[in-house]
Amino acid sequence: MVEVKAVYTDGGVIGKNPSRDGGTWAFVHVGGDGRLYRLEKGIVTPADVGLPTVTNNMTELLAMLHALEALPVGWSGSVYTDSQITLYRAMRPWTSKFDGITNGLRERLVAARERIGHVTFHLLGGHPDRGDAAGTWKTTGVRLRDGRSCSKWNVMCDAACNEMVDQWRANQATAGASK
């Protein structure tokens, strides 16, 4: 079995932020050999979290939460996100503010952090723009305008989130057509 050494996460909303429709989350676990070990993705609705809307900050946090909960007890390694607020919350869930996030999600994050080992958190620069995409960022992690690197794994998470949006829209269209 490959040992996971790095985790990448991303989240987004369906439509405008905050979304009454919901949002998407995705994470990847990357092995010590640099290969994809695991990819998980999902949709979250306002009903799932007991709120009238889902925000981008919530989906970013959910991606981090699902990724950490999927790791074995005592795991140590690196975690990457393009969300600064999620990074701060994950680094210090015991003392960070969780405005707009349910207490249950905060408690799950605290529990996840307490069951894993030493984690080094990294803030990514987000997704490449068209100019970056024309370069070699997919293999080298070229620097973006904000000075932070981009990762092909973060791009994979973003693509998985977009796939979930497409799936949600297709399901909505099918449900509408059957009425």
Protein backbone atom coordinates (compact mmCIF):
# COMPACT_ATOMS: atom_id res chain seq x y z
CA MET A 1 0.00 0.00 0.00
CA VAL A 2 1.25 3.47 -0.91
CA GLU A 3 1.78 5.85 1.99
CA VAL A 4 0.02 9.19 1.58
CA LYS A 5 2.42 12.11 1.89
CA ALA A 6 0.37 15.03 0.57
CA VAL A 7 -3.25 16.15 0.58
CA TYR A 8 -4.81 18.73 -1.77
CA THR A 9 -8.30 20.18 -1.31
CA ASP A 10 -10.73 22.49 -3.09
CA GLY A 11 -14.35 23.56 -2.85
CA GLY A 12 -16.82 25.71 -4.70
CA VAL A 13 -20.45 26.71 -4.90
CA ILE A 14 -23.14 25.95 -7.43
CA GLY A 15 -23.92 29.33 -8.94
CA LYS A 16 -23.47 32.57 -7.04
CA ASN A 17 -21.86 32.68 -3.58
CA PRO A 18 -23.63 32.15 -1.20
CA SER A 19 -25.62 29.45 -2.95
CA ARG A 20 -29.15 28.30 -2.19
CA ASP A 21 -28.42 25.28 -4.40
CA GLY A 22 -25.29 24.08 -2.60
CA GLY A 23 -21.68 23.49 -3.32
CA THR A 24 -19.03 20.96 -4.20
CA TRP A 25 -15.86 19.71 -2.56
CA ALA A 26 -12.98 17.48 -3.62
CA PHE A 27 -9.69 16.20 -2.27
CA VAL A 28 -6.80 14.08 -3.43
CA HIS A 29 -4.29 12.08 -1.46
CA VAL A 30 -0.90 11.80 -3.15
CA GLY A 31 1.50 9.00 -2.30
CA GLY A 32 5.15 9.29 -1.44
CA ASP A 33 5.86 8.11 -4.98
CA GLY A 34 4.16 11.26 -6.33
CA ARG A 35 1.17 9.42 -7.74
CA LEU A 36 -2.53 9.85 -7.13
CA TYR A 37 -3.65 7.52 -4.35
CA ARG A 38 -7.21 8.68 -3.76
CA LEU A 39 -9.71 11.18 -5.19
CA GLU A 40 -13.03 11.90 -3.52
CA LYS A 41 -15.64 14.49 -4.39
CA GLY A 42 -19.14 15.41 -3.37
CA ILE A 43 -22.02 17.81 -3.25
CA VAL A 44 -23.33 19.56 -0.15
CA THR A 45 -26.76 21.17 0.03
CA PRO A 46 -27.98 23.77 2.50
CA ALA A 47 -30.17 21.06 4.08
CA ASP A 48 -27.04 18.93 4.65
CA VAL A 49 -25.54 21.64 6.86
CA GLY A 50 -28.77 23.04 8.30
CA LEU A 51 -28.34 26.51 6.83
CA PRO A 52 -30.27 28.47 4.16
CA THR A 53 -27.20 28.72 1.91
CA VAL A 54 -23.80 27.15 1.33
CA THR A 55 -20.77 29.41 1.00
CA ASN A 56 -17.48 28.92 -0.79
CA ASN A 57 -15.69 29.08 2.59
CA MET A 58 -17.87 26.24 3.83
CA THR A 59 -17.14 24.01 0.83
CA GLU A 60 -13.40 24.68 1.12
CA LEU A 61 -13.61 23.67 4.78
CA LEU A 62 -15.65 20.56 3.93
CA ALA A 63 -13.02 19.49 1.41
CA MET A 64 -10.33 19.84 4.08
CA LEU A 65 -12.46 18.04 6.64
CA HIS A 66 -13.24 15.08 4.38
CA ALA A 67 -9.57 14.81 3.38
CA LEU A 68 -8.32 14.79 6.98
CA GLU A 69 -11.02 12.39 8.19
CA ALA A 70 -10.01 9.92 5.45
CA LEU A 71 -6.41 9.71 6.74
CA PRO A 72 -5.24 7.07 9.19
CA VAL A 73 -4.72 7.86 12.87
CA GLY A 74 -1.32 9.45 13.42
CA TRP A 75 -0.82 10.43 9.78
CA SER A 76 1.79 13.12 9.16
CA GLY A 77 2.44 15.01 5.96
CA SER A 78 1.64 18.14 3.95
CA VAL A 79 -1.76 19.64 3.26
CA TYR A 80 -2.38 22.14 0.44
CA THR A 81 -5.31 24.49 -0.11
CA ASP A 82 -5.95 27.65 -2.10
CA SER A 83 -8.21 29.03 0.64
CA GLN A 84 -6.45 31.22 3.18
CA ILE A 85 -9.33 31.13 5.67
CA THR A 86 -9.52 27.33 5.45
CA LEU A 87 -5.77 27.13 6.00
CA TYR A 88 -6.03 29.22 9.18
CA ARG A 89 -9.03 27.29 10.45
CA ALA A 90 -7.34 23.94 9.80
CA MET A 91 -4.10 25.07 11.43
CA ARG A 92 -5.85 26.34 14.57
CA PRO A 93 -9.38 24.91 14.78
CA TRP A 94 -9.32 25.29 18.56
CA THR A 95 -9.02 29.11 18.44
CA SER A 96 -10.02 30.29 14.94
CA LYS A 97 -13.29 32.06 14.20
CA PHE A 98 -15.80 29.96 12.31
CA ASP A 99 -18.28 32.65 11.26
CA GLY A 100 -20.90 31.19 8.95
CA ILE A 101 -19.81 27.62 9.71
CA THR A 102 -21.89 25.31 11.87
CA ASN A 103 -20.43 24.29 15.22
CA GLY A 104 -20.72 20.63 14.18
CA LEU A 105 -18.25 21.17 11.33
CA ARG A 106 -15.84 22.97 13.65
CA GLU A 107 -16.05 20.09 16.14
CA ARG A 108 -15.36 17.56 13.38
CA LEU A 109 -12.30 19.56 12.30
CA VAL A 110 -10.98 19.67 15.88
CA ALA A 111 -11.47 15.89 16.16
CA ALA A 112 -9.76 15.28 12.81
CA ARG A 113 -6.77 17.40 13.82
CA GLU A 114 -6.47 15.64 17.17
CA ARG A 115 -6.33 12.17 15.59
CA ILE A 116 -3.58 12.90 13.06
CA GLY A 117 0.10 13.63 13.61
CA HIS A 118 2.27 16.54 12.49
CA VAL A 119 0.86 18.43 9.52
CA THR A 120 2.53 21.17 7.50
CA PHE A 121 -0.04 23.42 5.82
CA HIS A 122 0.64 25.22 2.54
CA LEU A 123 -1.30 27.98 0.79
CA LEU A 124 -1.48 27.57 -2.97
CA GLY A 125 -1.99 30.40 -5.41
CA GLY A 126 -5.20 28.95 -6.76
CA HIS A 127 -5.85 27.94 -10.29
CA PRO A 128 -3.77 29.01 -13.28
CA ASP A 129 -5.14 31.67 -15.56
CA ARG A 130 -4.97 31.36 -19.36
CA GLY A 131 -1.44 32.72 -19.47
CA ASP A 132 -0.28 30.26 -16.83
CA ALA A 133 -2.08 27.40 -18.56
CA ALA A 134 -0.04 28.03 -21.68
CA GLY A 135 3.11 27.45 -19.63
CA THR A 136 4.44 24.40 -17.87
CA TRP A 137 2.56 24.71 -14.57
CA LYS A 138 1.05 21.22 -14.93
CA THR A 139 4.43 19.62 -14.36
CA THR A 140 6.53 22.28 -12.68
CA GLY A 141 4.17 24.33 -10.52
CA VAL A 142 4.99 27.64 -12.19
CA ARG A 143 4.62 30.73 -10.02
CA LEU A 144 1.40 32.67 -10.39
CA ARG A 145 1.05 36.44 -10.23
CA ASP A 146 0.54 36.40 -6.45
CA GLY A 147 3.85 34.60 -5.95
CA ARG A 148 2.30 31.32 -4.80
CA SER A 149 2.66 28.10 -6.71
CA CYS A 150 -0.07 26.22 -8.48
CA SER A 151 -0.38 22.46 -8.37
CA LYS A 152 -1.73 19.98 -10.87
CA TRP A 153 -3.38 18.28 -7.87
CA ASN A 154 -5.26 21.45 -6.94
CA VAL A 155 -6.33 21.79 -10.56
CA MET A 156 -7.54 18.17 -10.41
CA CYS A 157 -9.61 19.00 -7.31
CA ASP A 158 -11.08 22.05 -9.07
CA ALA A 159 -11.98 19.92 -12.09
CA ALA A 160 -13.64 17.34 -9.82
CA CYS A 161 -15.70 20.12 -8.21
CA ASN A 162 -16.75 21.32 -11.67
CA GLU A 163 -17.73 17.76 -12.62
CA MET A 164 -19.99 17.63 -9.57
CA VAL A 165 -21.63 20.93 -10.61
CA ASP A 166 -22.26 19.48 -14.08
CA GLN A 167 -23.70 16.33 -12.50
CA TRP A 168 -25.96 18.41 -10.23
CA ARG A 169 -27.20 20.48 -13.19
CA ALA A 170 -27.89 17.34 -15.24
CA ASN A 171 -29.86 15.88 -12.32
CA GLN A 172 -31.85 19.12 -12.01
CA ALA A 173 -32.60 19.09 -15.74
CA THR A 174 -33.74 15.45 -15.57
CA ALA A 175 -35.92 16.15 -12.54
CA GLY A 176 -37.45 19.18 -14.28
CA ALA A 177 -38.15 17.22 -17.45
CA SER A 178 -39.93 14.45 -15.54
CA LYS A 179 -42.41 16.87 -13.90
